[in-house]
């Protein structure tokens, strides 16, 4: 098993903050499991552990934001990790703005507002297939996920 996990760590991926909204509150979660799935329409797949609060919020709301963190935003990534958003208000320690009623992280390389089109439960995760309905990018270089940086 350890070798399989080490192999998975060699797959290039970014570091993302997933933003959700429930009533008048906002939640954030750090994620590395995001990938492109279609150009027409522009769509992505997002994988979230079924036990995470964010998975429940996305299922309830049918939408979420993705902030692609830029190099140097390691603190933002760590601030949106643990503890769970159902136990702690992560929005209090984040700088963000609201786009289409969803939070996006200030200073990110880009952001996307996504509408869920389909979801599939796979093992211990739920995969959300979503269309990008709005987005904005900068020239900042995206952060690359390296598990040792976050889980020494």
C-alpha atoms as a PDB file:
ATOM      1  CA  UNK A   1       0.000   0.000   0.000  1.00  0.00           C
ATOM      2  CA  UNK A   2       2.786   2.454   0.866  1.00  0.00           C
ATOM      3  CA  UNK A   3       4.316   2.101  -2.611  1.00  0.00           C
ATOM      4  CA  UNK A   4       0.920   2.755  -4.228  1.00  0.00           C
ATOM      5  CA  UNK A   5       0.525   5.946  -2.213  1.00  0.00           C
ATOM      6  CA  UNK A   6       4.050   7.058  -3.123  1.00  0.00           C
ATOM      7  CA  UNK A   7       3.215   6.425  -6.790  1.00  0.00           C
ATOM      8  CA  UNK A   8       0.054   8.525  -6.478  1.00  0.00           C
ATOM      9  CA  UNK A   9       2.123  11.357  -4.986  1.00  0.00           C
ATOM     10  CA  UNK A  10       4.009  11.615  -8.286  1.00  0.00           C
ATOM     11  CA  UNK A  11       0.847  12.612 -10.163  1.00  0.00           C
ATOM     12  CA  UNK A  12       1.046  16.367 -10.793  1.00  0.00           C
ATOM     13  CA  UNK A  13      -1.761  18.289  -9.168  1.00  0.00           C
ATOM     14  CA  UNK A  14      -2.444  21.752  -7.881  1.00  0.00           C
ATOM     15  CA  UNK A  15      -3.631  23.016  -4.528  1.00  0.00           C
ATOM     16  CA  UNK A  16      -7.176  24.300  -4.438  1.00  0.00           C
ATOM     17  CA  UNK A  17      -9.525  25.895  -1.954  1.00  0.00           C
ATOM     18  CA  UNK A  18     -13.117  24.778  -2.396  1.00  0.00           C
ATOM     19  CA  UNK A  19     -15.604  27.425  -1.283  1.00  0.00           C
ATOM     20  CA  UNK A  20     -19.202  26.763  -0.324  1.00  0.00           C
ATOM     21  CA  UNK A  21     -22.080  28.683   1.165  1.00  0.00           C
ATOM     22  CA  UNK A  22     -24.768  27.630   3.608  1.00  0.00           C
ATOM     23  CA  UNK A  23     -27.336  30.333   4.330  1.00  0.00           C
ATOM     24  CA  UNK A  24     -25.260  33.375   5.341  1.00  0.00           C
ATOM     25  CA  UNK A  25     -22.048  31.513   6.213  1.00  0.00           C
ATOM     26  CA  UNK A  26     -19.097  30.430   4.090  1.00  0.00           C
ATOM     27  CA  UNK A  27     -16.935  27.349   4.312  1.00  0.00           C
ATOM     28  CA  UNK A  28     -13.517  26.506   2.857  1.00  0.00           C
ATOM     29  CA  UNK A  29     -11.714  23.225   2.296  1.00  0.00           C
ATOM     30  CA  UNK A  30      -8.243  22.532   0.895  1.00  0.00           C
ATOM     31  CA  UNK A  31      -8.284  19.939  -1.887  1.00  0.00           C
ATOM     32  CA  UNK A  32      -5.869  18.519  -4.436  1.00  0.00           C
ATOM     33  CA  UNK A  33      -8.328  16.238  -6.247  1.00  0.00           C
ATOM     34  CA  UNK A  34      -9.524  18.465  -9.103  1.00  0.00           C
ATOM     35  CA  UNK A  35      -9.188  17.708 -12.813  1.00  0.00           C
ATOM     36  CA  UNK A  36     -10.465  18.887 -16.183  1.00  0.00           C
ATOM     37  CA  UNK A  37     -12.993  16.620 -17.903  1.00  0.00           C
ATOM     38  CA  UNK A  38     -14.427  18.602 -20.845  1.00  0.00           C
ATOM     39  CA  UNK A  39     -13.827  21.686 -22.989  1.00  0.00           C
ATOM     40  CA  UNK A  40     -17.388  22.018 -24.281  1.00  0.00           C
ATOM     41  CA  UNK A  41     -18.828  22.898 -21.903  1.00  0.00           C
ATOM     42  CA  UNK A  42     -15.816  23.749 -19.741  1.00  0.00           C
ATOM     43  CA  UNK A  43     -16.130  21.192 -16.943  1.00  0.00           C
ATOM     44  CA  UNK A  44     -14.152  19.755 -14.058  1.00  0.00           C
ATOM     45  CA  UNK A  45     -14.352  16.847 -11.637  1.00  0.00           C
ATOM     46  CA  UNK A  46     -13.872  17.419  -7.916  1.00  0.00           C
ATOM     47  CA  UNK A  47     -13.380  14.522  -5.497  1.00  0.00           C
ATOM     48  CA  UNK A  48     -14.265  15.037  -1.816  1.00  0.00           C
ATOM     49  CA  UNK A  49     -14.202  12.587   1.076  1.00  0.00           C
ATOM     50  CA  UNK A  50     -17.792  11.574   1.846  1.00  0.00           C
ATOM     51  CA  UNK A  51     -17.330  12.348   5.551  1.00  0.00           C
ATOM     52  CA  UNK A  52     -16.305  15.974   4.926  1.00  0.00           C
ATOM     53  CA  UNK A  53     -18.669  18.826   5.708  1.00  0.00           C
ATOM     54  CA  UNK A  54     -17.902  20.343   2.280  1.00  0.00           C
ATOM     55  CA  UNK A  55     -19.295  17.254   0.511  1.00  0.00           C
ATOM     56  CA  UNK A  56     -22.608  17.722   2.315  1.00  0.00           C
ATOM     57  CA  UNK A  57     -22.714  21.445   1.507  1.00  0.00           C
ATOM     58  CA  UNK A  58     -22.047  20.844  -2.194  1.00  0.00           C
ATOM     59  CA  UNK A  59     -24.721  18.133  -2.295  1.00  0.00           C
ATOM     60  CA  UNK A  60     -27.214  20.548  -0.684  1.00  0.00           C
ATOM     61  CA  UNK A  61     -26.325  23.630  -2.734  1.00  0.00           C
ATOM     62  CA  UNK A  62     -25.348  22.128  -6.114  1.00  0.00           C
ATOM     63  CA  UNK A  63     -22.530  24.628  -6.564  1.00  0.00           C
ATOM     64  CA  UNK A  64     -19.076  25.547  -5.295  1.00  0.00           C
ATOM     65  CA  UNK A  65     -16.091  27.726  -6.050  1.00  0.00           C
ATOM     66  CA  UNK A  66     -12.529  26.657  -6.755  1.00  0.00           C
ATOM     67  CA  UNK A  67      -9.653  28.997  -5.962  1.00  0.00           C
ATOM     68  CA  UNK A  68      -6.427  27.795  -7.584  1.00  0.00           C
ATOM     69  CA  UNK A  69      -3.794  28.791  -5.057  1.00  0.00           C
ATOM     70  CA  UNK A  70      -0.716  30.626  -6.268  1.00  0.00           C
ATOM     71  CA  UNK A  71       2.849  29.877  -5.235  1.00  0.00           C
ATOM     72  CA  UNK A  72       3.404  31.355  -1.785  1.00  0.00           C
ATOM     73  CA  UNK A  73      -0.146  30.686  -0.529  1.00  0.00           C
ATOM     74  CA  UNK A  74       0.832  27.718   1.651  1.00  0.00           C
ATOM     75  CA  UNK A  75      -0.660  29.403   4.732  1.00  0.00           C
ATOM     76  CA  UNK A  76      -4.040  29.705   3.008  1.00  0.00           C
ATOM     77  CA  UNK A  77      -3.881  26.006   2.094  1.00  0.00           C
ATOM     78  CA  UNK A  78      -3.090  25.021   5.672  1.00  0.00           C
ATOM     79  CA  UNK A  79      -5.718  27.376   7.144  1.00  0.00           C
ATOM     80  CA  UNK A  80      -8.434  25.624   5.145  1.00  0.00           C
ATOM     81  CA  UNK A  81      -7.371  22.110   6.099  1.00  0.00           C
ATOM     82  CA  UNK A  82      -8.294  20.947   9.577  1.00  0.00           C
ATOM     83  CA  UNK A  83     -10.385  21.356  11.719  1.00  0.00           C
ATOM     84  CA  UNK A  84     -13.669  20.720   9.941  1.00  0.00           C
ATOM     85  CA  UNK A  85     -15.792  23.679   8.901  1.00  0.00           C
ATOM     86  CA  UNK A  86     -18.709  22.285  10.895  1.00  0.00           C
ATOM     87  CA  UNK A  87     -16.612  22.729  14.069  1.00  0.00           C
ATOM     88  CA  UNK A  88     -14.698  25.910  13.205  1.00  0.00           C
ATOM     89  CA  UNK A  89     -15.469  29.006  11.112  1.00  0.00           C
ATOM     90  CA  UNK A  90     -12.547  29.019   8.653  1.00  0.00           C
ATOM     91  CA  UNK A  91     -13.866  32.197   6.999  1.00  0.00           C
ATOM     92  CA  UNK A  92     -12.659  34.154  10.045  1.00  0.00           C
ATOM     93  CA  UNK A  93      -9.032  33.446   9.164  1.00  0.00           C
ATOM     94  CA  UNK A  94      -9.284  33.910   5.396  1.00  0.00           C
ATOM     95  CA  UNK A  95      -9.198  36.900   3.033  1.00  0.00           C
ATOM     96  CA  UNK A  96     -11.799  36.391   0.336  1.00  0.00           C
ATOM     97  CA  UNK A  97     -14.360  38.043  -1.883  1.00  0.00           C
ATOM     98  CA  UNK A  98     -17.796  36.937  -3.019  1.00  0.00           C
ATOM     99  CA  UNK A  99     -18.488  36.016  -6.647  1.00  0.00           C
ATOM    100  CA  UNK A 100     -21.990  34.784  -7.532  1.00  0.00           C
ATOM    101  CA  UNK A 101     -22.755  34.220  -3.835  1.00  0.00           C
ATOM    102  CA  UNK A 102     -19.681  32.002  -3.343  1.00  0.00           C
ATOM    103  CA  UNK A 103     -16.374  32.816  -1.636  1.00  0.00           C
ATOM    104  CA  UNK A 104     -13.099  32.961  -3.601  1.00  0.00           C
ATOM    105  CA  UNK A 105      -9.653  33.410  -2.051  1.00  0.00           C
ATOM    106  CA  UNK A 106      -7.852  36.734  -2.514  1.00  0.00           C
ATOM    107  CA  UNK A 107      -4.551  36.490  -4.368  1.00  0.00           C
ATOM    108  CA  UNK A 108      -5.283  33.126  -6.025  1.00  0.00           C
ATOM    109  CA  UNK A 109      -3.907  32.301  -9.472  1.00  0.00           C
ATOM    110  CA  UNK A 110      -7.495  31.881 -10.665  1.00  0.00           C
ATOM    111  CA  UNK A 111     -10.989  31.105  -9.493  1.00  0.00           C
ATOM    112  CA  UNK A 112     -13.935  29.238 -10.976  1.00  0.00           C
ATOM    113  CA  UNK A 113     -17.603  29.183 -10.051  1.00  0.00           C
ATOM    114  CA  UNK A 114     -18.971  25.699 -10.714  1.00  0.00           C
ATOM    115  CA  UNK A 115     -22.459  24.237 -11.037  1.00  0.00           C
ATOM    116  CA  UNK A 116     -22.821  20.526 -10.284  1.00  0.00           C
ATOM    117  CA  UNK A 117     -24.209  18.515 -13.189  1.00  0.00           C
ATOM    118  CA  UNK A 118     -23.703  15.009 -11.792  1.00  0.00           C
ATOM    119  CA  UNK A 119     -22.203  13.273  -8.774  1.00  0.00           C
ATOM    120  CA  UNK A 120     -20.949   9.737  -8.295  1.00  0.00           C
ATOM    121  CA  UNK A 121     -20.068   8.009  -5.056  1.00  0.00           C
ATOM    122  CA  UNK A 122     -16.845   6.050  -5.468  1.00  0.00           C
ATOM    123  CA  UNK A 123     -15.452   4.172  -2.472  1.00  0.00           C
ATOM    124  CA  UNK A 124     -14.912   6.727   0.332  1.00  0.00           C
ATOM    125  CA  UNK A 125     -15.296   9.816  -1.914  1.00  0.00           C
ATOM    126  CA  UNK A 126     -17.954  11.578  -3.919  1.00  0.00           C
ATOM    127  CA  UNK A 127     -16.949  12.913  -7.329  1.00  0.00           C
ATOM    128  CA  UNK A 128     -18.771  16.030  -8.470  1.00  0.00           C
ATOM    129  CA  UNK A 129     -18.826  16.689 -12.211  1.00  0.00           C
ATOM    130  CA  UNK A 130     -19.446  20.396 -12.652  1.00  0.00           C
ATOM    131  CA  UNK A 131     -19.637  23.017 -15.367  1.00  0.00           C
ATOM    132  CA  UNK A 132     -17.590  26.185 -14.931  1.00  0.00           C
ATOM    133  CA  UNK A 133     -20.082  29.051 -15.204  1.00  0.00           C
ATOM    134  CA  UNK A 134     -17.654  31.886 -14.464  1.00  0.00           C
ATOM    135  CA  UNK A 135     -13.971  32.303 -13.858  1.00  0.00           C
ATOM    136  CA  UNK A 136     -11.082  34.704 -13.752  1.00  0.00           C
ATOM    137  CA  UNK A 137      -7.325  34.132 -13.966  1.00  0.00           C
ATOM    138  CA  UNK A 138      -4.108  35.997 -13.340  1.00  0.00           C
ATOM    139  CA  UNK A 139      -0.509  35.525 -14.457  1.00  0.00           C
ATOM    140  CA  UNK A 140       0.443  34.090 -11.053  1.00  0.00           C
ATOM    141  CA  UNK A 141       2.050  30.659 -11.080  1.00  0.00           C
ATOM    142  CA  UNK A 142      -0.196  27.958  -9.530  1.00  0.00           C
ATOM    143  CA  UNK A 143       1.022  26.088  -6.464  1.00  0.00           C
ATOM    144  CA  UNK A 144       1.904  22.431  -6.996  1.00  0.00           C
ATOM    145  CA  UNK A 145       0.751  19.865  -4.433  1.00  0.00           C
ATOM    146  CA  UNK A 146       3.524  17.884  -2.769  1.00  0.00           C
ATOM    147  CA  UNK A 147       2.161  15.773   0.070  1.00  0.00           C
ATOM    148  CA  UNK A 148       5.348  16.075   2.173  1.00  0.00           C
ATOM    149  CA  UNK A 149       4.797  19.850   2.388  1.00  0.00           C
ATOM    150  CA  UNK A 150       1.397  19.359   3.970  1.00  0.00           C
ATOM    151  CA  UNK A 151       1.751  15.970   5.695  1.00  0.00           C
ATOM    152  CA  UNK A 152       5.370  15.618   6.895  1.00  0.00           C
END
